[in-house]
ModelCIF file with pLDDT and N, C-alpha, C, O atoms, coordinates in Angstrom:
data_MODEL
#
_entry.id   MODEL 
#
_entity.id                         1 
_entity.type                       polymer 
_entity.pdbx_number_of_molecules   1 
#
_entity_poly.entity_id                      1 
_entity_poly.type                           'polypeptide(L)' 
_entity_poly.nstd_linkage                   no 
_entity_poly.nstd_monomer                   no 
_entity_poly.pdbx_seq_one_letter_code       RPEAPAHRSRSEIVYAQLKQDVADFKLVPGDRFTESEISVRL 
_entity_poly.pdbx_seq_one_letter_code_can   RPEAPAHRSRSEIVYAQLKQDVADFKLVPGDRFTESEISVRL 
_entity_poly.pdbx_strand_id                 A 
#
loop_
_entity_poly_seq.entity_id 
_entity_poly_seq.num 
_entity_poly_seq.mon_id 
_entity_poly_seq.hetero 
1 1  ARG n 
1 2  PRO n 
1 3  GLU n 
1 4  ALA n 
1 5  PRO n 
1 6  ALA n 
1 7  HIS n 
1 8  ARG n 
1 9  SER n 
1 10 ARG n 
1 11 SER n 
1 12 GLU n 
1 13 ILE n 
1 14 VAL n 
1 15 TYR n 
1 16 ALA n 
1 17 GLN n 
1 18 LEU n 
1 19 LYS n 
1 20 GLN n 
1 21 ASP n 
1 22 VAL n 
1 23 ALA n 
1 24 ASP n 
1 25 PHE n 
1 26 LYS n 
1 27 LEU n 
1 28 VAL n 
1 29 PRO n 
1 30 GLY n 
1 31 ASP n 
1 32 ARG n 
1 33 PHE n 
1 34 THR n 
1 35 GLU n 
1 36 SER n 
1 37 GLU n 
1 38 ILE n 
1 39 SER n 
1 40 VAL n 
1 41 ARG n 
1 42 LEU n 
#
_struct_asym.id          A 
_struct_asym.entity_id   1 
#
loop_
_ma_qa_metric.id 
_ma_qa_metric.mode 
_ma_qa_metric.name 
_ma_qa_metric.software_group_id 
_ma_qa_metric.type 
1 global pLDDT . pLDDT 
2 local  pLDDT . pLDDT 
#
_ma_qa_metric_global.metric_id      1 
_ma_qa_metric_global.metric_value   81.50 
_ma_qa_metric_global.model_id       1 
_ma_qa_metric_global.ordinal_id     1 
#
loop_
_ma_qa_metric_local.label_asym_id 
_ma_qa_metric_local.label_comp_id 
_ma_qa_metric_local.label_seq_id 
_ma_qa_metric_local.metric_id 
_ma_qa_metric_local.metric_value 
_ma_qa_metric_local.model_id 
_ma_qa_metric_local.ordinal_id 
A ARG 1  2 39.00 1 1  
A PRO 2  2 38.00 1 2  
A GLU 3  2 42.00 1 3  
A ALA 4  2 43.00 1 4  
A PRO 5  2 49.00 1 5  
A ALA 6  2 48.00 1 6  
A HIS 7  2 49.00 1 7  
A ARG 8  2 60.00 1 8  
A SER 9  2 82.00 1 9  
A ARG 10 2 89.00 1 10 
A SER 11 2 91.00 1 11 
A GLU 12 2 92.00 1 12 
A ILE 13 2 94.00 1 13 
A VAL 14 2 95.00 1 14 
A TYR 15 2 93.00 1 15 
A ALA 16 2 91.00 1 16 
A GLN 17 2 93.00 1 17 
A LEU 18 2 94.00 1 18 
A LYS 19 2 89.00 1 19 
A GLN 20 2 86.00 1 20 
A ASP 21 2 89.00 1 21 
A VAL 22 2 86.00 1 22 
A ALA 23 2 79.00 1 23 
A ASP 24 2 78.00 1 24 
A PHE 25 2 79.00 1 25 
A LYS 26 2 85.00 1 26 
A LEU 27 2 88.00 1 27 
A VAL 28 2 84.00 1 28 
A PRO 29 2 85.00 1 29 
A GLY 30 2 85.00 1 30 
A ASP 31 2 90.00 1 31 
A ARG 32 2 93.00 1 32 
A PHE 33 2 94.00 1 33 
A THR 34 2 94.00 1 34 
A GLU 35 2 94.00 1 35 
A SER 36 2 94.00 1 36 
A GLU 37 2 95.00 1 37 
A ILE 38 2 95.00 1 38 
A SER 39 2 95.00 1 39 
A VAL 40 2 95.00 1 40 
A ARG 41 2 95.00 1 41 
A LEU 42 2 94.00 1 42 
#
loop_
_atom_site.group_PDB 
_atom_site.id 
_atom_site.type_symbol 
_atom_site.label_atom_id 
_atom_site.label_alt_id 
_atom_site.label_comp_id 
_atom_site.label_asym_id 
_atom_site.label_entity_id 
_atom_site.label_seq_id 
_atom_site.pdbx_PDB_ins_code 
_atom_site.Cartn_x 
_atom_site.Cartn_y 
_atom_site.Cartn_z 
_atom_site.occupancy 
_atom_site.B_iso_or_equiv 
_atom_site.pdbx_formal_charge 
_atom_site.auth_seq_id 
_atom_site.auth_comp_id 
_atom_site.auth_asym_id 
_atom_site.auth_atom_id 
_atom_site.pdbx_PDB_model_num 
ATOM 1   N N  . ARG A 1 1  ? -6.486 2.959   -20.628 1.00 39.00 ? 1  ARG A N  1 
ATOM 2   C CA . ARG A 1 1  ? -8.312 3.773   -20.170 1.00 39.00 ? 1  ARG A CA 1 
ATOM 3   C C  . ARG A 1 1  ? -8.131 4.825   -19.655 1.00 39.00 ? 1  ARG A C  1 
ATOM 4   O O  . ARG A 1 1  ? -7.650 5.039   -18.542 1.00 39.00 ? 1  ARG A O  1 
ATOM 5   N N  . PRO A 1 2  ? -8.628 5.809   -20.681 1.00 38.00 ? 2  PRO A N  1 
ATOM 6   C CA . PRO A 1 2  ? -8.599 7.151   -19.650 1.00 38.00 ? 2  PRO A CA 1 
ATOM 7   C C  . PRO A 1 2  ? -7.769 7.492   -18.039 1.00 38.00 ? 2  PRO A C  1 
ATOM 8   O O  . PRO A 1 2  ? -6.958 8.327   -17.639 1.00 38.00 ? 2  PRO A O  1 
ATOM 9   N N  . GLU A 1 3  ? -8.451 6.418   -17.496 1.00 42.00 ? 3  GLU A N  1 
ATOM 10  C CA . GLU A 1 3  ? -8.955 6.668   -15.901 1.00 42.00 ? 3  GLU A CA 1 
ATOM 11  C C  . GLU A 1 3  ? -7.731 5.693   -15.114 1.00 42.00 ? 3  GLU A C  1 
ATOM 12  O O  . GLU A 1 3  ? -7.627 5.237   -13.975 1.00 42.00 ? 3  GLU A O  1 
ATOM 13  N N  . ALA A 1 4  ? -6.544 5.615   -16.844 1.00 43.00 ? 4  ALA A N  1 
ATOM 14  C CA . ALA A 1 4  ? -5.493 4.732   -15.627 1.00 43.00 ? 4  ALA A CA 1 
ATOM 15  C C  . ALA A 1 4  ? -4.425 5.760   -15.003 1.00 43.00 ? 4  ALA A C  1 
ATOM 16  O O  . ALA A 1 4  ? -4.143 5.713   -13.806 1.00 43.00 ? 4  ALA A O  1 
ATOM 17  N N  . PRO A 1 5  ? -3.886 6.627   -15.824 1.00 49.00 ? 5  PRO A N  1 
ATOM 18  C CA . PRO A 1 5  ? -2.623 7.414   -15.121 1.00 49.00 ? 5  PRO A CA 1 
ATOM 19  C C  . PRO A 1 5  ? -3.711 7.785   -13.788 1.00 49.00 ? 5  PRO A C  1 
ATOM 20  O O  . PRO A 1 5  ? -3.061 7.936   -12.753 1.00 49.00 ? 5  PRO A O  1 
ATOM 21  N N  . ALA A 1 6  ? -4.525 7.883   -13.680 1.00 48.00 ? 6  ALA A N  1 
ATOM 22  C CA . ALA A 1 6  ? -5.178 8.824   -11.950 1.00 48.00 ? 6  ALA A CA 1 
ATOM 23  C C  . ALA A 1 6  ? -4.720 7.279   -11.097 1.00 48.00 ? 6  ALA A C  1 
ATOM 24  O O  . ALA A 1 6  ? -3.895 7.394   -10.190 1.00 48.00 ? 6  ALA A O  1 
ATOM 25  N N  . HIS A 1 7  ? -5.154 6.180   -11.346 1.00 49.00 ? 7  HIS A N  1 
ATOM 26  C CA . HIS A 1 7  ? -5.422 5.195   -11.262 1.00 49.00 ? 7  HIS A CA 1 
ATOM 27  C C  . HIS A 1 7  ? -4.409 4.742   -10.515 1.00 49.00 ? 7  HIS A C  1 
ATOM 28  O O  . HIS A 1 7  ? -4.246 4.543   -9.311  1.00 49.00 ? 7  HIS A O  1 
ATOM 29  N N  . ARG A 1 8  ? -3.528 4.578   -11.832 1.00 60.00 ? 8  ARG A N  1 
ATOM 30  C CA . ARG A 1 8  ? -1.731 4.257   -11.371 1.00 60.00 ? 8  ARG A CA 1 
ATOM 31  C C  . ARG A 1 8  ? -1.275 4.787   -10.056 1.00 60.00 ? 8  ARG A C  1 
ATOM 32  O O  . ARG A 1 8  ? -0.784 4.254   -9.061  1.00 60.00 ? 8  ARG A O  1 
ATOM 33  N N  . SER A 1 9  ? -1.562 5.876   -10.338 1.00 82.00 ? 9  SER A N  1 
ATOM 34  C CA . SER A 1 9  ? -0.548 6.770   -9.221  1.00 82.00 ? 9  SER A CA 1 
ATOM 35  C C  . SER A 1 9  ? -1.263 6.365   -7.790  1.00 82.00 ? 9  SER A C  1 
ATOM 36  O O  . SER A 1 9  ? -0.556 6.439   -6.785  1.00 82.00 ? 9  SER A O  1 
ATOM 37  N N  . ARG A 1 10 ? -2.746 5.905   -7.646  1.00 89.00 ? 10 ARG A N  1 
ATOM 38  C CA . ARG A 1 10 ? -2.833 5.636   -6.670  1.00 89.00 ? 10 ARG A CA 1 
ATOM 39  C C  . ARG A 1 10 ? -2.215 4.291   -5.988  1.00 89.00 ? 10 ARG A C  1 
ATOM 40  O O  . ARG A 1 10 ? -1.535 4.199   -4.966  1.00 89.00 ? 10 ARG A O  1 
ATOM 41  N N  . SER A 1 11 ? -2.497 3.661   -6.541  1.00 91.00 ? 11 SER A N  1 
ATOM 42  C CA . SER A 1 11 ? -1.524 2.815   -6.806  1.00 91.00 ? 11 SER A CA 1 
ATOM 43  C C  . SER A 1 11 ? 0.276  2.248   -6.509  1.00 91.00 ? 11 SER A C  1 
ATOM 44  O O  . SER A 1 11 ? 1.023  1.385   -6.048  1.00 91.00 ? 11 SER A O  1 
ATOM 45  N N  . GLU A 1 12 ? 0.138  3.580   -7.225  1.00 92.00 ? 12 GLU A N  1 
ATOM 46  C CA . GLU A 1 12 ? 2.010  3.829   -6.587  1.00 92.00 ? 12 GLU A CA 1 
ATOM 47  C C  . GLU A 1 12 ? 2.322  4.029   -5.530  1.00 92.00 ? 12 GLU A C  1 
ATOM 48  O O  . GLU A 1 12 ? 3.273  3.454   -5.000  1.00 92.00 ? 12 GLU A O  1 
ATOM 49  N N  . ILE A 1 13 ? 1.630  4.857   -4.989  1.00 94.00 ? 13 ILE A N  1 
ATOM 50  C CA . ILE A 1 13 ? 1.702  5.523   -3.479  1.00 94.00 ? 13 ILE A CA 1 
ATOM 51  C C  . ILE A 1 13 ? 1.295  4.563   -2.467  1.00 94.00 ? 13 ILE A C  1 
ATOM 52  O O  . ILE A 1 13 ? 1.753  4.833   -1.357  1.00 94.00 ? 13 ILE A O  1 
ATOM 53  N N  . VAL A 1 14 ? 0.345  3.199   -2.538  1.00 95.00 ? 14 VAL A N  1 
ATOM 54  C CA . VAL A 1 14 ? 0.322  2.729   -2.142  1.00 95.00 ? 14 VAL A CA 1 
ATOM 55  C C  . VAL A 1 14 ? 1.141  1.484   -1.953  1.00 95.00 ? 14 VAL A C  1 
ATOM 56  O O  . VAL A 1 14 ? 1.238  0.612   -1.089  1.00 95.00 ? 14 VAL A O  1 
ATOM 57  N N  . TYR A 1 15 ? 1.686  1.756   -3.107  1.00 93.00 ? 15 TYR A N  1 
ATOM 58  C CA . TYR A 1 15 ? 3.278  0.040   -3.080  1.00 93.00 ? 15 TYR A CA 1 
ATOM 59  C C  . TYR A 1 15 ? 4.293  1.463   -2.004  1.00 93.00 ? 15 TYR A C  1 
ATOM 60  O O  . TYR A 1 15 ? 4.626  1.126   -0.868  1.00 93.00 ? 15 TYR A O  1 
ATOM 61  N N  . ALA A 1 16 ? 4.502  2.259   -2.274  1.00 91.00 ? 16 ALA A N  1 
ATOM 62  C CA . ALA A 1 16 ? 5.556  2.967   -1.808  1.00 91.00 ? 16 ALA A CA 1 
ATOM 63  C C  . ALA A 1 16 ? 5.163  3.097   -0.541  1.00 91.00 ? 16 ALA A C  1 
ATOM 64  O O  . ALA A 1 16 ? 6.213  3.610   -0.153  1.00 91.00 ? 16 ALA A O  1 
ATOM 65  N N  . GLN A 1 17 ? 4.380  3.042   0.602   1.00 93.00 ? 17 GLN A N  1 
ATOM 66  C CA . GLN A 1 17 ? 3.664  3.718   1.793   1.00 93.00 ? 17 GLN A CA 1 
ATOM 67  C C  . GLN A 1 17 ? 4.003  1.968   1.869   1.00 93.00 ? 17 GLN A C  1 
ATOM 68  O O  . GLN A 1 17 ? 5.153  1.675   2.195   1.00 93.00 ? 17 GLN A O  1 
ATOM 69  N N  . LEU A 1 18 ? 3.038  0.837   1.578   1.00 94.00 ? 18 LEU A N  1 
ATOM 70  C CA . LEU A 1 18 ? 3.631  -0.125  1.494   1.00 94.00 ? 18 LEU A CA 1 
ATOM 71  C C  . LEU A 1 18 ? 4.933  -1.110  2.249   1.00 94.00 ? 18 LEU A C  1 
ATOM 72  O O  . LEU A 1 18 ? 5.003  -1.869  3.216   1.00 94.00 ? 18 LEU A O  1 
ATOM 73  N N  . LYS A 1 19 ? 6.118  -0.465  0.919   1.00 89.00 ? 19 LYS A N  1 
ATOM 74  C CA . LYS A 1 19 ? 7.699  -0.820  1.345   1.00 89.00 ? 19 LYS A CA 1 
ATOM 75  C C  . LYS A 1 19 ? 8.020  -0.178  2.454   1.00 89.00 ? 19 LYS A C  1 
ATOM 76  O O  . LYS A 1 19 ? 8.264  -0.611  3.580   1.00 89.00 ? 19 LYS A O  1 
ATOM 77  N N  . GLN A 1 20 ? 7.993  1.028   1.979   1.00 86.00 ? 20 GLN A N  1 
ATOM 78  C CA . GLN A 1 20 ? 7.964  2.650   3.390   1.00 86.00 ? 20 GLN A CA 1 
ATOM 79  C C  . GLN A 1 20 ? 7.979  1.390   4.677   1.00 86.00 ? 20 GLN A C  1 
ATOM 80  O O  . GLN A 1 20 ? 8.891  0.989   5.400   1.00 86.00 ? 20 GLN A O  1 
ATOM 81  N N  . ASP A 1 21 ? 6.690  1.048   4.577   1.00 89.00 ? 21 ASP A N  1 
ATOM 82  C CA . ASP A 1 21 ? 6.167  0.205   5.892   1.00 89.00 ? 21 ASP A CA 1 
ATOM 83  C C  . ASP A 1 21 ? 6.920  -1.188  6.612   1.00 89.00 ? 21 ASP A C  1 
ATOM 84  O O  . ASP A 1 21 ? 6.782  -1.819  7.660   1.00 89.00 ? 21 ASP A O  1 
ATOM 85  N N  . VAL A 1 22 ? 7.505  -1.237  5.797   1.00 86.00 ? 22 VAL A N  1 
ATOM 86  C CA . VAL A 1 22 ? 8.440  -2.699  5.273   1.00 86.00 ? 22 VAL A CA 1 
ATOM 87  C C  . VAL A 1 22 ? 8.757  -2.425  6.353   1.00 86.00 ? 22 VAL A C  1 
ATOM 88  O O  . VAL A 1 22 ? 8.498  -2.554  7.550   1.00 86.00 ? 22 VAL A O  1 
ATOM 89  N N  . ALA A 1 23 ? 10.109 -1.534  4.846   1.00 79.00 ? 23 ALA A N  1 
ATOM 90  C CA . ALA A 1 23 ? 11.680 -0.711  5.652   1.00 79.00 ? 23 ALA A CA 1 
ATOM 91  C C  . ALA A 1 23 ? 11.185 -0.689  7.008   1.00 79.00 ? 23 ALA A C  1 
ATOM 92  O O  . ALA A 1 23 ? 11.358 -1.686  7.709   1.00 79.00 ? 23 ALA A O  1 
ATOM 93  N N  . ASP A 1 24 ? 10.541 0.415   7.503   1.00 78.00 ? 24 ASP A N  1 
ATOM 94  C CA . ASP A 1 24 ? 10.698 0.834   8.689   1.00 78.00 ? 24 ASP A CA 1 
ATOM 95  C C  . ASP A 1 24 ? 9.919  0.066   10.227  1.00 78.00 ? 24 ASP A C  1 
ATOM 96  O O  . ASP A 1 24 ? 9.621  0.416   11.369  1.00 78.00 ? 24 ASP A O  1 
ATOM 97  N N  . PHE A 1 25 ? 9.846  -1.273  9.281   1.00 79.00 ? 25 PHE A N  1 
ATOM 98  C CA . PHE A 1 25 ? 9.443  -2.210  10.709  1.00 79.00 ? 25 PHE A CA 1 
ATOM 99  C C  . PHE A 1 25 ? 8.026  -2.248  11.202  1.00 79.00 ? 25 PHE A C  1 
ATOM 100 O O  . PHE A 1 25 ? 7.692  -3.134  11.988  1.00 79.00 ? 25 PHE A O  1 
ATOM 101 N N  . LYS A 1 26 ? 7.030  -1.193  10.720  1.00 85.00 ? 26 LYS A N  1 
ATOM 102 C CA . LYS A 1 26 ? 5.633  -1.142  10.927  1.00 85.00 ? 26 LYS A CA 1 
ATOM 103 C C  . LYS A 1 26 ? 5.270  -2.483  10.304  1.00 85.00 ? 26 LYS A C  1 
ATOM 104 O O  . LYS A 1 26 ? 4.368  -3.015  10.952  1.00 85.00 ? 26 LYS A O  1 
ATOM 105 N N  . LEU A 1 27 ? 5.594  -3.066  9.464   1.00 88.00 ? 27 LEU A N  1 
ATOM 106 C CA . LEU A 1 27 ? 5.501  -4.942  9.078   1.00 88.00 ? 27 LEU A CA 1 
ATOM 107 C C  . LEU A 1 27 ? 6.523  -4.946  8.971   1.00 88.00 ? 27 LEU A C  1 
ATOM 108 O O  . LEU A 1 27 ? 7.276  -4.129  8.439   1.00 88.00 ? 27 LEU A O  1 
ATOM 109 N N  . VAL A 1 28 ? 6.813  -6.421  9.756   1.00 84.00 ? 28 VAL A N  1 
ATOM 110 C CA . VAL A 1 28 ? 7.791  -6.939  9.902   1.00 84.00 ? 28 VAL A CA 1 
ATOM 111 C C  . VAL A 1 28 ? 7.336  -8.944  9.326   1.00 84.00 ? 28 VAL A C  1 
ATOM 112 O O  . VAL A 1 28 ? 6.358  -9.588  8.947   1.00 84.00 ? 28 VAL A O  1 
ATOM 113 N N  . PRO A 1 29 ? 8.420  -9.100  9.543   1.00 85.00 ? 29 PRO A N  1 
ATOM 114 C CA . PRO A 1 29 ? 8.248  -11.159 8.553   1.00 85.00 ? 29 PRO A CA 1 
ATOM 115 C C  . PRO A 1 29 ? 7.112  -11.493 9.671   1.00 85.00 ? 29 PRO A C  1 
ATOM 116 O O  . PRO A 1 29 ? 7.033  -11.383 10.895  1.00 85.00 ? 29 PRO A O  1 
ATOM 117 N N  . GLY A 1 30 ? 6.246  -11.971 8.586   1.00 85.00 ? 30 GLY A N  1 
ATOM 118 C CA . GLY A 1 30 ? 5.543  -13.046 9.876   1.00 85.00 ? 30 GLY A CA 1 
ATOM 119 C C  . GLY A 1 30 ? 3.934  -12.258 9.615   1.00 85.00 ? 30 GLY A C  1 
ATOM 120 O O  . GLY A 1 30 ? 2.893  -12.915 9.588   1.00 85.00 ? 30 GLY A O  1 
ATOM 121 N N  . ASP A 1 31 ? 4.004  -10.274 9.378   1.00 90.00 ? 31 ASP A N  1 
ATOM 122 C CA . ASP A 1 31 ? 3.042  -9.494  10.325  1.00 90.00 ? 31 ASP A CA 1 
ATOM 123 C C  . ASP A 1 31 ? 1.452  -10.047 9.190   1.00 90.00 ? 31 ASP A C  1 
ATOM 124 O O  . ASP A 1 31 ? 1.575  -9.978  7.967   1.00 90.00 ? 31 ASP A O  1 
ATOM 125 N N  . ARG A 1 32 ? 0.317  -10.468 9.720   1.00 93.00 ? 32 ARG A N  1 
ATOM 126 C CA . ARG A 1 32 ? -0.765 -10.825 8.939   1.00 93.00 ? 32 ARG A CA 1 
ATOM 127 C C  . ARG A 1 32 ? -1.460 -9.650  8.256   1.00 93.00 ? 32 ARG A C  1 
ATOM 128 O O  . ARG A 1 32 ? -0.797 -8.630  8.447   1.00 93.00 ? 32 ARG A O  1 
ATOM 129 N N  . PHE A 1 33 ? -2.179 -9.501  7.779   1.00 94.00 ? 33 PHE A N  1 
ATOM 130 C CA . PHE A 1 33 ? -3.134 -8.172  7.120   1.00 94.00 ? 33 PHE A CA 1 
ATOM 131 C C  . PHE A 1 33 ? -4.077 -8.363  6.298   1.00 94.00 ? 33 PHE A C  1 
ATOM 132 O O  . PHE A 1 33 ? -3.911 -9.369  5.609   1.00 94.00 ? 33 PHE A O  1 
ATOM 133 N N  . THR A 1 34 ? -5.442 -7.517  6.007   1.00 94.00 ? 34 THR A N  1 
ATOM 134 C CA . THR A 1 34 ? -6.177 -7.695  5.020   1.00 94.00 ? 34 THR A CA 1 
ATOM 135 C C  . THR A 1 34 ? -6.025 -6.353  4.127   1.00 94.00 ? 34 THR A C  1 
ATOM 136 O O  . THR A 1 34 ? -5.588 -5.271  4.519   1.00 94.00 ? 34 THR A O  1 
ATOM 137 N N  . GLU A 1 35 ? -6.586 -6.750  2.564   1.00 94.00 ? 35 GLU A N  1 
ATOM 138 C CA . GLU A 1 35 ? -6.429 -6.098  2.059   1.00 94.00 ? 35 GLU A CA 1 
ATOM 139 C C  . GLU A 1 35 ? -7.340 -4.538  2.590   1.00 94.00 ? 35 GLU A C  1 
ATOM 140 O O  . GLU A 1 35 ? -6.975 -3.380  2.388   1.00 94.00 ? 35 GLU A O  1 
ATOM 141 N N  . SER A 1 36 ? -8.541 -4.993  3.275   1.00 94.00 ? 36 SER A N  1 
ATOM 142 C CA . SER A 1 36 ? -9.619 -4.119  3.630   1.00 94.00 ? 36 SER A CA 1 
ATOM 143 C C  . SER A 1 36 ? -8.813 -3.700  4.738   1.00 94.00 ? 36 SER A C  1 
ATOM 144 O O  . SER A 1 36 ? -8.434 -2.543  4.561   1.00 94.00 ? 36 SER A O  1 
ATOM 145 N N  . GLU A 1 37 ? -8.292 -4.336  6.113   1.00 95.00 ? 37 GLU A N  1 
ATOM 146 C CA . GLU A 1 37 ? -7.536 -3.143  6.944   1.00 95.00 ? 37 GLU A CA 1 
ATOM 147 C C  . GLU A 1 37 ? -6.254 -1.998  6.366   1.00 95.00 ? 37 GLU A C  1 
ATOM 148 O O  . GLU A 1 37 ? -5.580 -1.322  7.144   1.00 95.00 ? 37 GLU A O  1 
ATOM 149 N N  . ILE A 1 38 ? -6.091 -1.963  4.704   1.00 95.00 ? 38 ILE A N  1 
ATOM 150 C CA . ILE A 1 38 ? -4.756 -1.874  4.327   1.00 95.00 ? 38 ILE A CA 1 
ATOM 151 C C  . ILE A 1 38 ? -5.880 -0.075  3.725   1.00 95.00 ? 38 ILE A C  1 
ATOM 152 O O  . ILE A 1 38 ? -5.723 1.117   3.991   1.00 95.00 ? 38 ILE A O  1 
ATOM 153 N N  . SER A 1 39 ? -7.064 -0.957  2.741   1.00 95.00 ? 39 SER A N  1 
ATOM 154 C CA . SER A 1 39 ? -8.079 0.081   2.990   1.00 95.00 ? 39 SER A CA 1 
ATOM 155 C C  . SER A 1 39 ? -8.042 1.516   3.395   1.00 95.00 ? 39 SER A C  1 
ATOM 156 O O  . SER A 1 39 ? -7.887 2.687   3.050   1.00 95.00 ? 39 SER A O  1 
ATOM 157 N N  . VAL A 1 40 ? -8.271 0.719   4.293   1.00 95.00 ? 40 VAL A N  1 
ATOM 158 C CA . VAL A 1 40 ? -8.989 1.865   5.967   1.00 95.00 ? 40 VAL A CA 1 
ATOM 159 C C  . VAL A 1 40 ? -8.303 2.811   6.239   1.00 95.00 ? 40 VAL A C  1 
ATOM 160 O O  . VAL A 1 40 ? -8.503 3.993   6.523   1.00 95.00 ? 40 VAL A O  1 
ATOM 161 N N  . ARG A 1 41 ? -7.456 2.162   6.121   1.00 95.00 ? 41 ARG A N  1 
ATOM 162 C CA . ARG A 1 41 ? -6.110 3.134   7.192   1.00 95.00 ? 41 ARG A CA 1 
ATOM 163 C C  . ARG A 1 41 ? -4.745 3.791   5.661   1.00 95.00 ? 41 ARG A C  1 
ATOM 164 O O  . ARG A 1 41 ? -3.654 4.349   5.784   1.00 95.00 ? 41 ARG A O  1 
ATOM 165 N N  . LEU A 1 42 ? -5.392 3.435   4.605   1.00 94.00 ? 42 LEU A N  1 
ATOM 166 C CA . LEU A 1 42 ? -5.201 4.404   3.759   1.00 94.00 ? 42 LEU A CA 1 
ATOM 167 C C  . LEU A 1 42 ? -6.024 5.769   2.522   1.00 94.00 ? 42 LEU A C  1 
ATOM 168 O O  . LEU A 1 42 ? -5.303 6.532   1.878   1.00 94.00 ? 42 LEU A O  1 
#
């Protein structure tokens, strides 16, 4: 669909950031969070 490239780009950015947060221990095993919290932070 026309908007897919831009939309996919945002998803990729969020994915990469969250994965980096886990690797950097900003998010550690057991941590709980909501989609809204991530949405606001990013």
